Amino acid sequence: MEYFAVTLTFTISIFVLGFAAFFGGLWMNRKGPRTAALTDARNVGAS
């Protein structure tokens, strides 16, 4: 049972990372790499 919780957490994390990369890439193509990089840096710095 202990391994199930770890596996589920890791699987959810990988799916969220994949969706974030996909939608972030679409947004970067629309707004440009500089805007995406500055927004990402601000979001990482805020956490």
Protein backbone atom coordinates (compact mmCIF):
# COMPACT_ATOMS: atom_id res chain seq x y z
CA MET A 1 0.00 0.00 0.00
CA GLU A 2 2.89 2.33 0.72
CA TYR A 3 4.24 1.99 -2.81
CA PHE A 4 0.85 2.74 -4.32
CA ALA A 5 0.80 6.22 -2.78
CA VAL A 6 4.29 7.00 -4.07
CA THR A 7 3.47 5.69 -7.54
CA LEU A 8 0.23 7.64 -7.71
CA THR A 9 1.92 10.86 -6.60
CA PHE A 10 4.71 10.45 -9.15
CA THR A 11 2.26 9.64 -11.95
CA ILE A 12 0.14 12.70 -11.22
CA SER A 13 3.27 14.87 -11.10
CA ILE A 14 4.42 13.62 -14.50
CA PHE A 15 1.00 14.28 -16.07
CA VAL A 16 0.86 17.80 -14.61
CA LEU A 17 4.38 18.51 -15.86
CA GLY A 18 3.41 17.28 -19.33
CA PHE A 19 0.28 19.41 -19.51
CA ALA A 20 2.17 22.46 -18.23
CA ALA A 21 4.88 21.99 -20.85
CA PHE A 22 2.32 21.55 -23.61
CA PHE A 23 0.24 24.61 -22.76
CA GLY A 24 3.32 26.66 -21.89
CA GLY A 25 4.76 25.86 -25.32
CA LEU A 26 1.56 26.95 -27.04
CA TRP A 27 1.54 30.16 -25.03
CA MET A 28 5.22 30.81 -25.82
CA ASN A 29 4.56 30.45 -29.55
CA ARG A 30 1.82 33.07 -29.27
CA LYS A 31 3.51 35.58 -26.93
CA GLY A 32 7.20 34.98 -27.63
CA PRO A 33 10.07 33.46 -25.65
CA ARG A 34 10.99 36.62 -23.74
CA THR A 35 7.52 37.06 -22.25
CA ALA A 36 7.34 33.37 -21.37
CA ALA A 37 10.78 33.39 -19.73
CA LEU A 38 10.06 36.51 -17.67
CA THR A 39 6.70 35.14 -16.54
CA ASP A 40 8.25 31.79 -15.61
CA ALA A 41 11.06 33.47 -13.70
CA ARG A 42 8.57 35.60 -11.78
CA ASN A 43 6.43 32.58 -10.93
CA VAL A 44 9.40 30.49 -9.78
CA GLY A 45 10.78 33.38 -7.76
CA ALA A 46 7.44 33.89 -6.04
CA SER A 47 7.25 30.32 -4.78
